[in-house]
Amino acid sequence: MDFAQHTVDLARRNVDEGGRPFATVIVKDGQILAESPNRVAQTNDPTAHAEILAIRDACTRLGTEHLAGATIYILALPCPMCLGALYYCSPDEVVFLATRDSYEPHYVDDRKYFELNTFYDEFAKPWDQRRLPMRYAPHDAAVEVYRLWQERNGGERRVSGAPTAG
């Protein structure tokens, strides 16, 4: 099966049905494990991006939060939210089929605090210099939740079984 073409077809169907032009197909062991188009327009859920929905489905099917051994096909370079999810689930590879420059003449998704052309610069700024208003409200009990987690996990700070860079 041509997984790239399947990703394109899934996105095209979504556009035909009134959705946005994005789709994700997750492949493991030569088979489609999960797939999803972007469902933001259909659900009014700003997190219902194709990558997020497919990753949720794949991880649920596998019973793990890790996608080691998987290849993830996406229609275009991911937004920062999806990029974070892709890094977090640790697939073997992500294959994107279009760049922002190639689709920009046809689709732009700029928001009050989010423009793709400037967001990665914005993201790299310290939290108190970003356009999105953020306020630090220190609360000792918040850190206690993390101490409790570490205690319940035998003193370990890392999530058991998570793929690491080392």
N, C-alpha and C. Protein backbone atom coordinates (compact mmCIF):
# COMPACT_ATOMS: atom_id res chain seq x y z
N MET A 1 0.85 -1.19 0.00
CA MET A 1 0.00 0.00 0.00
C MET A 1 0.89 1.24 0.00
N ASP A 2 0.47 2.26 -0.70
CA ASP A 2 1.16 3.55 -0.73
C ASP A 2 0.60 4.40 0.42
N PHE A 3 1.31 4.40 1.55
CA PHE A 3 0.82 5.09 2.75
C PHE A 3 0.77 6.60 2.56
N ALA A 4 1.70 7.15 1.79
CA ALA A 4 1.68 8.59 1.51
C ALA A 4 0.41 8.95 0.74
N GLN A 5 0.10 8.20 -0.30
CA GLN A 5 -1.11 8.48 -1.08
C GLN A 5 -2.36 8.29 -0.23
N HIS A 6 -2.34 7.29 0.66
CA HIS A 6 -3.48 7.07 1.55
C HIS A 6 -3.69 8.28 2.46
N THR A 7 -2.59 8.88 2.92
CA THR A 7 -2.67 10.09 3.75
C THR A 7 -3.30 11.23 2.96
N VAL A 8 -2.87 11.41 1.72
CA VAL A 8 -3.43 12.45 0.84
C VAL A 8 -4.92 12.20 0.62
N ASP A 9 -5.29 10.96 0.33
CA ASP A 9 -6.70 10.63 0.10
C ASP A 9 -7.56 10.90 1.32
N LEU A 10 -7.04 10.59 2.51
CA LEU A 10 -7.76 10.84 3.76
C LEU A 10 -7.99 12.34 3.95
N ALA A 11 -6.98 13.14 3.68
CA ALA A 11 -7.11 14.60 3.80
C ALA A 11 -8.10 15.15 2.77
N ARG A 12 -8.02 14.64 1.55
CA ARG A 12 -8.93 15.09 0.49
C ARG A 12 -10.39 14.79 0.86
N ARG A 13 -10.65 13.59 1.37
CA ARG A 13 -12.01 13.23 1.81
C ARG A 13 -12.49 14.17 2.91
N ASN A 14 -11.58 14.52 3.82
CA ASN A 14 -11.95 15.42 4.91
C ASN A 14 -12.34 16.79 4.37
N VAL A 15 -11.60 17.30 3.40
CA VAL A 15 -11.94 18.59 2.79
C VAL A 15 -13.29 18.48 2.09
N ASP A 16 -13.53 17.38 1.38
CA ASP A 16 -14.82 17.18 0.69
C ASP A 16 -15.98 17.17 1.68
N GLU A 17 -15.71 16.74 2.92
CA GLU A 17 -16.74 16.67 3.96
C GLU A 17 -16.81 17.92 4.83
N GLY A 18 -16.06 18.98 4.44
CA GLY A 18 -16.12 20.23 5.17
C GLY A 18 -15.03 20.41 6.21
N GLY A 19 -14.09 19.47 6.29
CA GLY A 19 -13.00 19.55 7.26
C GLY A 19 -11.80 20.29 6.71
N ARG A 20 -10.75 20.32 7.48
CA ARG A 20 -9.52 21.03 7.11
C ARG A 20 -8.54 20.07 6.42
N PRO A 21 -7.59 20.63 5.65
CA PRO A 21 -6.73 19.81 4.79
C PRO A 21 -5.52 19.18 5.49
N PHE A 22 -5.79 18.31 6.45
CA PHE A 22 -4.71 17.63 7.16
C PHE A 22 -5.15 16.20 7.46
N ALA A 23 -4.17 15.28 7.47
CA ALA A 23 -4.44 13.89 7.81
C ALA A 23 -3.16 13.24 8.30
N THR A 24 -3.33 12.17 9.06
CA THR A 24 -2.21 11.40 9.61
C THR A 24 -2.51 9.92 9.49
N VAL A 25 -1.49 9.16 9.10
CA VAL A 25 -1.58 7.71 9.03
C VAL A 25 -0.37 7.15 9.78
N ILE A 26 -0.63 6.26 10.73
CA ILE A 26 0.44 5.65 11.52
C ILE A 26 0.57 4.19 11.11
N VAL A 27 1.80 3.84 10.72
CA VAL A 27 2.08 2.51 10.19
C VAL A 27 3.06 1.80 11.11
N LYS A 28 2.76 0.54 11.40
CA LYS A 28 3.69 -0.30 12.18
C LYS A 28 3.64 -1.70 11.59
N ASP A 29 4.80 -2.29 11.41
CA ASP A 29 4.92 -3.63 10.84
C ASP A 29 4.21 -3.74 9.49
N GLY A 30 4.30 -2.67 8.69
CA GLY A 30 3.74 -2.68 7.34
C GLY A 30 2.23 -2.55 7.26
N GLN A 31 1.57 -2.30 8.40
CA GLN A 31 0.11 -2.18 8.44
C GLN A 31 -0.30 -0.85 9.06
N ILE A 32 -1.45 -0.34 8.63
CA ILE A 32 -1.98 0.88 9.24
C ILE A 32 -2.47 0.54 10.64
N LEU A 33 -1.87 1.20 11.63
CA LEU A 33 -2.25 1.03 13.02
C LEU A 33 -3.38 1.99 13.39
N ALA A 34 -3.29 3.23 12.88
CA ALA A 34 -4.30 4.24 13.17
C ALA A 34 -4.22 5.32 12.10
N GLU A 35 -5.32 6.01 11.91
CA GLU A 35 -5.36 7.11 10.96
C GLU A 35 -6.45 8.08 11.37
N SER A 36 -6.27 9.33 10.96
CA SER A 36 -7.30 10.32 11.25
C SER A 36 -7.08 11.56 10.39
N PRO A 37 -8.17 12.17 9.96
CA PRO A 37 -8.07 13.51 9.40
C PRO A 37 -8.13 14.52 10.55
N ASN A 38 -7.88 15.76 10.27
CA ASN A 38 -8.07 16.84 11.22
C ASN A 38 -9.58 16.98 11.46
N ARG A 39 -10.01 17.04 12.71
CA ARG A 39 -11.43 17.13 13.06
C ARG A 39 -11.77 18.42 13.82
N VAL A 40 -10.93 19.42 13.74
CA VAL A 40 -11.18 20.67 14.47
C VAL A 40 -12.50 21.30 14.03
N ALA A 41 -12.71 21.45 12.73
CA ALA A 41 -13.93 22.10 12.22
C ALA A 41 -15.18 21.31 12.60
N GLN A 42 -15.09 20.00 12.57
CA GLN A 42 -16.26 19.17 12.85
C GLN A 42 -16.61 19.11 14.34
N THR A 43 -15.60 19.27 15.21
CA THR A 43 -15.83 19.08 16.65
C THR A 43 -15.72 20.35 17.48
N ASN A 44 -15.23 21.42 16.87
CA ASN A 44 -14.94 22.67 17.60
C ASN A 44 -13.92 22.44 18.71
N ASP A 45 -13.08 21.43 18.54
CA ASP A 45 -12.03 21.10 19.51
C ASP A 45 -10.69 21.52 18.90
N PRO A 46 -10.04 22.56 19.44
CA PRO A 46 -8.80 23.03 18.85
C PRO A 46 -7.65 22.03 18.96
N THR A 47 -7.81 20.97 19.75
CA THR A 47 -6.76 19.95 19.84
C THR A 47 -7.04 18.75 18.93
N ALA A 48 -8.10 18.77 18.17
CA ALA A 48 -8.47 17.63 17.32
C ALA A 48 -7.70 17.62 16.00
N HIS A 49 -6.41 17.86 16.09
CA HIS A 49 -5.55 17.79 14.90
C HIS A 49 -5.36 16.32 14.53
N ALA A 50 -5.11 16.08 13.26
CA ALA A 50 -4.97 14.71 12.76
C ALA A 50 -3.91 13.93 13.52
N GLU A 51 -2.77 14.57 13.75
CA GLU A 51 -1.68 13.88 14.45
C GLU A 51 -2.11 13.46 15.85
N ILE A 52 -2.73 14.37 16.58
CA ILE A 52 -3.14 14.10 17.96
C ILE A 52 -4.15 12.95 17.99
N LEU A 53 -5.15 13.00 17.13
CA LEU A 53 -6.19 11.96 17.12
C LEU A 53 -5.62 10.60 16.74
N ALA A 54 -4.76 10.56 15.74
CA ALA A 54 -4.17 9.28 15.32
C ALA A 54 -3.23 8.73 16.39
N ILE A 55 -2.44 9.60 17.00
CA ILE A 55 -1.54 9.16 18.07
C ILE A 55 -2.35 8.59 19.23
N ARG A 56 -3.42 9.26 19.62
CA ARG A 56 -4.27 8.75 20.71
C ARG A 56 -4.78 7.35 20.39
N ASP A 57 -5.29 7.19 19.17
CA ASP A 57 -5.86 5.91 18.76
C ASP A 57 -4.78 4.83 18.73
N ALA A 58 -3.63 5.13 18.15
CA ALA A 58 -2.55 4.14 18.05
C ALA A 58 -2.07 3.72 19.43
N CYS A 59 -1.86 4.67 20.30
CA CYS A 59 -1.36 4.35 21.64
C CYS A 59 -2.39 3.56 22.44
N THR A 60 -3.65 3.88 22.28
CA THR A 60 -4.70 3.13 22.96
C THR A 60 -4.72 1.69 22.46
N ARG A 61 -4.62 1.51 21.15
CA ARG A 61 -4.61 0.15 20.58
C ARG A 61 -3.42 -0.66 21.08
N LEU A 62 -2.26 -0.01 21.19
CA LEU A 62 -1.05 -0.71 21.63
C LEU A 62 -0.94 -0.83 23.15
N GLY A 63 -1.72 -0.03 23.87
CA GLY A 63 -1.64 -0.05 25.33
C GLY A 63 -0.36 0.57 25.86
N THR A 64 0.15 1.58 25.15
CA THR A 64 1.38 2.26 25.54
C THR A 64 1.34 3.69 25.03
N GLU A 65 2.13 4.54 25.65
CA GLU A 65 2.23 5.93 25.17
C GLU A 65 3.38 6.10 24.18
N HIS A 66 4.02 5.01 23.81
CA HIS A 66 5.19 5.07 22.93
C HIS A 66 4.89 4.42 21.59
N LEU A 67 5.38 5.02 20.52
CA LEU A 67 5.17 4.46 19.18
C LEU A 67 6.49 4.05 18.53
N ALA A 68 7.40 3.53 19.33
CA ALA A 68 8.65 3.00 18.79
C ALA A 68 8.29 1.91 17.77
N GLY A 69 9.00 1.91 16.66
CA GLY A 69 8.73 0.95 15.60
C GLY A 69 7.72 1.43 14.59
N ALA A 70 7.14 2.61 14.79
CA ALA A 70 6.12 3.14 13.88
C ALA A 70 6.69 4.23 12.98
N THR A 71 6.07 4.36 11.82
CA THR A 71 6.30 5.48 10.92
C THR A 71 5.00 6.26 10.86
N ILE A 72 5.09 7.57 11.00
CA ILE A 72 3.90 8.42 10.99
C ILE A 72 3.94 9.30 9.76
N TYR A 73 2.92 9.17 8.91
CA TYR A 73 2.77 9.99 7.71
C TYR A 73 1.84 11.14 8.03
N ILE A 74 2.26 12.36 7.72
CA ILE A 74 1.42 13.54 7.93
C ILE A 74 1.41 14.36 6.65
N LEU A 75 0.30 15.08 6.42
CA LEU A 75 0.17 15.80 5.17
C LEU A 75 1.18 16.94 5.07
N ALA A 76 1.45 17.62 6.18
CA ALA A 76 2.35 18.78 6.13
C ALA A 76 3.17 18.84 7.41
N LEU A 77 4.19 19.67 7.40
CA LEU A 77 4.97 19.87 8.62
C LEU A 77 4.02 20.17 9.77
N PRO A 78 4.27 19.61 10.95
CA PRO A 78 3.31 19.74 12.05
C PRO A 78 3.37 21.10 12.73
N CYS A 79 2.24 21.46 13.32
CA CYS A 79 2.20 22.65 14.17
C CYS A 79 2.97 22.33 15.45
N PRO A 80 3.26 23.30 16.28
CA PRO A 80 4.02 23.05 17.51
C PRO A 80 3.36 22.06 18.46
N MET A 81 2.04 22.08 18.58
CA MET A 81 1.35 21.14 19.46
C MET A 81 1.58 19.71 18.96
N CYS A 82 1.41 19.51 17.68
CA CYS A 82 1.57 18.18 17.11
C CYS A 82 3.04 17.76 17.10
N LEU A 83 3.93 18.70 16.86
CA LEU A 83 5.35 18.39 16.91
C LEU A 83 5.73 17.88 18.30
N GLY A 84 5.20 18.54 19.33
CA GLY A 84 5.46 18.08 20.69
C GLY A 84 4.93 16.67 20.91
N ALA A 85 3.72 16.39 20.43
CA ALA A 85 3.15 15.05 20.58
C ALA A 85 3.97 14.02 19.82
N LEU A 86 4.46 14.39 18.64
CA LEU A 86 5.29 13.47 17.85
C LEU A 86 6.59 13.15 18.57
N TYR A 87 7.23 14.16 19.12
CA TYR A 87 8.45 13.92 19.90
C TYR A 87 8.14 13.03 21.10
N TYR A 88 7.04 13.31 21.77
CA TYR A 88 6.71 12.62 23.01
C TYR A 88 6.42 11.14 22.79
N CYS A 89 5.78 10.79 21.68
CA CYS A 89 5.43 9.37 21.45
C CYS A 89 6.56 8.58 20.81
N SER A 90 7.63 9.23 20.38
CA SER A 90 8.87 8.59 19.93
C SER A 90 8.71 7.56 18.80
N PRO A 91 8.11 7.95 17.66
CA PRO A 91 8.08 7.01 16.54
C PRO A 91 9.47 6.85 15.94
N ASP A 92 9.64 5.86 15.08
CA ASP A 92 10.93 5.70 14.40
C ASP A 92 11.15 6.81 13.38
N GLU A 93 10.05 7.26 12.74
CA GLU A 93 10.19 8.25 11.68
C GLU A 93 8.86 8.98 11.47
N VAL A 94 8.95 10.25 11.07
CA VAL A 94 7.79 11.04 10.65
C VAL A 94 8.05 11.46 9.20
N VAL A 95 7.09 11.20 8.34
CA VAL A 95 7.20 11.55 6.93
C VAL A 95 6.14 12.61 6.64
N PHE A 96 6.58 13.81 6.22
CA PHE A 96 5.62 14.85 5.86
C PHE A 96 5.62 15.02 4.36
N LEU A 97 4.45 15.38 3.80
CA LEU A 97 4.24 15.35 2.36
C LEU A 97 4.15 16.73 1.72
N ALA A 98 4.13 17.78 2.52
CA ALA A 98 4.09 19.15 1.99
C ALA A 98 4.74 20.09 3.00
N THR A 99 5.37 21.13 2.50
CA THR A 99 5.94 22.15 3.38
C THR A 99 4.94 23.30 3.52
N ARG A 100 5.13 24.11 4.53
CA ARG A 100 4.27 25.29 4.69
C ARG A 100 4.39 26.22 3.49
N ASP A 101 5.61 26.38 2.99
CA ASP A 101 5.81 27.25 1.82
C ASP A 101 5.01 26.76 0.63
N SER A 102 4.92 25.44 0.47
CA SER A 102 4.20 24.92 -0.70
C SER A 102 2.68 25.05 -0.56
N TYR A 103 2.15 24.99 0.66
CA TYR A 103 0.70 25.12 0.79
C TYR A 103 0.21 26.51 1.17
N GLU A 104 1.12 27.40 1.57
CA GLU A 104 0.72 28.74 2.02
C GLU A 104 -0.11 29.52 0.99
N PRO A 105 0.13 29.40 -0.32
CA PRO A 105 -0.74 30.12 -1.26
C PRO A 105 -2.20 29.67 -1.21
N HIS A 106 -2.46 28.54 -0.54
CA HIS A 106 -3.81 27.96 -0.53
C HIS A 106 -4.44 27.87 0.85
N TYR A 107 -3.62 27.97 1.91
CA TYR A 107 -4.14 27.77 3.26
C TYR A 107 -3.25 28.47 4.27
N VAL A 108 -3.86 29.28 5.14
CA VAL A 108 -3.14 29.94 6.23
C VAL A 108 -4.01 29.81 7.48
N ASP A 109 -3.38 29.53 8.60
CA ASP A 109 -4.12 29.38 9.85
C ASP A 109 -3.46 30.22 10.94
N ASP A 110 -3.62 31.52 10.86
CA ASP A 110 -3.05 32.43 11.86
C ASP A 110 -4.10 32.74 12.91
N ARG A 111 -3.64 32.82 14.15
CA ARG A 111 -4.51 33.11 15.29
C ARG A 111 -3.95 34.29 16.06
N LYS A 112 -4.66 34.71 17.10
CA LYS A 112 -4.26 35.87 17.89
C LYS A 112 -2.82 35.75 18.39
N TYR A 113 -2.46 34.63 18.96
CA TYR A 113 -1.11 34.44 19.50
C TYR A 113 -0.29 33.46 18.67
N PHE A 114 -0.83 32.99 17.57
CA PHE A 114 -0.21 31.91 16.83
C PHE A 114 -0.20 32.19 15.33
N GLU A 115 0.95 32.49 14.81
CA GLU A 115 1.14 32.55 13.36
C GLU A 115 2.28 31.60 13.05
N LEU A 116 2.08 30.70 12.11
CA LEU A 116 3.12 29.71 11.82
C LEU A 116 4.46 30.33 11.47
N ASN A 117 4.43 31.46 10.77
CA ASN A 117 5.69 32.08 10.34
C ASN A 117 6.54 32.58 11.50
N THR A 118 5.92 32.90 12.63
CA THR A 118 6.67 33.46 13.75
C THR A 118 6.62 32.61 15.01
N PHE A 119 5.82 31.55 15.01
CA PHE A 119 5.59 30.84 16.26
C PHE A 119 6.83 30.18 16.83
N TYR A 120 7.67 29.60 16.00
CA TYR A 120 8.83 28.92 16.56
C TYR A 120 9.77 29.90 17.24
N ASP A 121 9.88 31.12 16.73
CA ASP A 121 10.65 32.16 17.43
C ASP A 121 9.97 32.50 18.76
N GLU A 122 8.66 32.62 18.74
CA GLU A 122 7.89 32.93 19.94
C GLU A 122 8.06 31.84 20.99
N PHE A 123 8.02 30.60 20.57
CA PHE A 123 8.13 29.46 21.46
C PHE A 123 9.47 29.43 22.18
N ALA A 124 10.52 29.87 21.50
CA ALA A 124 11.87 29.84 22.06
C ALA A 124 12.11 30.92 23.12
N LYS A 125 11.24 31.91 23.18
CA LYS A 125 11.40 33.00 24.16
C LYS A 125 11.14 32.49 25.58
N PRO A 126 11.74 33.14 26.58
CA PRO A 126 11.36 32.82 27.96
C PRO A 126 9.86 33.06 28.16
N TRP A 127 9.24 32.31 29.06
CA TRP A 127 7.78 32.38 29.23
C TRP A 127 7.27 33.79 29.46
N ASP A 128 8.04 34.63 30.13
CA ASP A 128 7.56 35.97 30.46
C ASP A 128 7.79 36.99 29.34
N GLN A 129 8.33 36.55 28.21
CA GLN A 129 8.52 37.43 27.06
C GLN A 129 7.65 37.03 25.86
N ARG A 130 6.82 36.03 26.01
CA ARG A 130 5.95 35.59 24.93
C ARG A 130 4.73 36.50 24.80
N ARG A 131 4.13 36.48 23.63
CA ARG A 131 2.93 37.28 23.37
C ARG A 131 1.73 36.78 24.19
N LEU A 132 1.64 35.48 24.39
CA LEU A 132 0.55 34.93 25.20
C LEU A 132 0.78 35.32 26.65
N PRO A 133 -0.13 36.05 27.25
CA PRO A 133 0.07 36.45 28.64
C PRO A 133 0.14 35.23 29.56
N MET A 134 1.21 35.16 30.32
CA MET A 134 1.39 34.08 31.28
C MET A 134 1.84 34.69 32.60
N ARG A 135 1.43 34.07 33.70
CA ARG A 135 1.78 34.57 35.02
C ARG A 135 2.19 33.39 35.88
N TYR A 136 3.32 33.52 36.55
CA TYR A 136 3.79 32.49 37.47
C TYR A 136 3.22 32.78 38.84
N ALA A 137 2.51 31.82 39.40
CA ALA A 137 1.93 31.96 40.73
C ALA A 137 2.46 30.81 41.58
N PRO A 138 3.64 30.96 42.18
CA PRO A 138 4.27 29.87 42.94
C PRO A 138 3.34 29.31 44.02
N HIS A 139 3.33 27.99 44.12
CA HIS A 139 2.49 27.33 45.11
C HIS A 139 3.21 26.07 45.55
N ASP A 140 3.68 26.05 46.80
CA ASP A 140 4.47 24.92 47.30
C ASP A 140 3.75 23.59 47.14
N ALA A 141 2.44 23.58 47.30
CA ALA A 141 1.68 22.33 47.19
C ALA A 141 1.75 21.75 45.77
N ALA A 142 1.99 22.59 44.78
CA ALA A 142 2.12 22.08 43.42
C ALA A 142 3.33 21.17 43.30
N VAL A 143 4.44 21.55 43.89
CA VAL A 143 5.66 20.74 43.85
C VAL A 143 5.46 19.46 44.66
N GLU A 144 4.65 19.52 45.70
CA GLU A 144 4.39 18.33 46.52
C GLU A 144 3.75 17.21 45.68
N VAL A 145 2.95 17.57 44.69
CA VAL A 145 2.35 16.56 43.80
C VAL A 145 3.44 15.77 43.09
N TYR A 146 4.50 16.46 42.66
CA TYR A 146 5.62 15.79 42.00
C TYR A 146 6.42 14.92 42.98
N ARG A 147 6.57 15.40 44.20
CA ARG A 147 7.26 14.59 45.21
C ARG A 147 6.47 13.31 45.49
N LEU A 148 5.13 13.44 45.55
CA LEU A 148 4.28 12.28 45.76
C LEU A 148 4.44 11.29 44.60
N TRP A 149 4.47 11.79 43.38
CA TRP A 149 4.65 10.93 42.20
C TRP A 149 5.97 10.16 42.30
N GLN A 150 7.03 10.86 42.63
CA GLN A 150 8.34 10.22 42.75
C GLN A 150 8.32 9.16 43.85
N GLU A 151 7.70 9.48 44.95
CA GLU A 151 7.60 8.53 46.07
C GLU A 151 6.84 7.28 45.65
N ARG A 152 5.73 7.45 44.94
CA ARG A 152 4.91 6.32 44.50
C ARG A 152 5.60 5.50 43.42
N ASN A 153 6.65 6.04 42.82
CA ASN A 153 7.39 5.34 41.77
C ASN A 153 8.77 4.92 42.24
N GLY A 154 8.86 4.57 43.53
CA GLY A 154 10.08 4.02 44.09
C GLY A 154 11.27 4.95 44.06
N GLY A 155 11.01 6.26 44.08
CA GLY A 155 12.09 7.23 44.06
C GLY A 155 12.55 7.60 42.67
N GLU A 156 12.01 6.94 41.66
CA GLU A 156 12.40 7.22 40.27
C GLU A 156 11.74 8.51 39.80
N ARG A 157 12.49 9.34 39.08
CA ARG A 157 11.96 10.59 38.54
C ARG A 157 11.42 10.42 37.12
N ARG A 158 11.88 9.41 36.41
CA ARG A 158 11.49 9.23 35.00
C ARG A 158 10.32 8.24 34.90
N VAL A 159 9.56 8.37 33.81
CA VAL A 159 8.47 7.45 33.53
C VAL A 159 9.07 6.12 33.11
N SER A 160 8.66 5.07 33.76
CA SER A 160 9.15 3.73 33.49
C SER A 160 8.84 3.32 32.06
N GLY A 161 9.83 2.78 31.36
CA GLY A 161 9.62 2.26 30.01
C GLY A 161 9.67 3.28 28.89
N ALA A 162 9.83 4.54 29.21
CA ALA A 162 9.85 5.57 28.16
C ALA A 162 11.16 5.49 27.37
N PRO A 163 11.09 5.56 26.04
CA PRO A 163 12.30 5.59 25.24
C PRO A 163 13.12 6.83 25.61
N THR A 164 14.42 6.66 25.73
CA THR A 164 15.28 7.80 26.08
C THR A 164 16.28 8.04 24.96
N ALA A 165 16.89 9.21 24.99
CA ALA A 165 17.85 9.60 23.96
C ALA A 165 19.16 8.86 24.09
N GLY A 166 19.46 8.34 25.28
CA GLY A 166 20.75 7.72 25.54
C GLY A 166 20.83 6.36 25.00
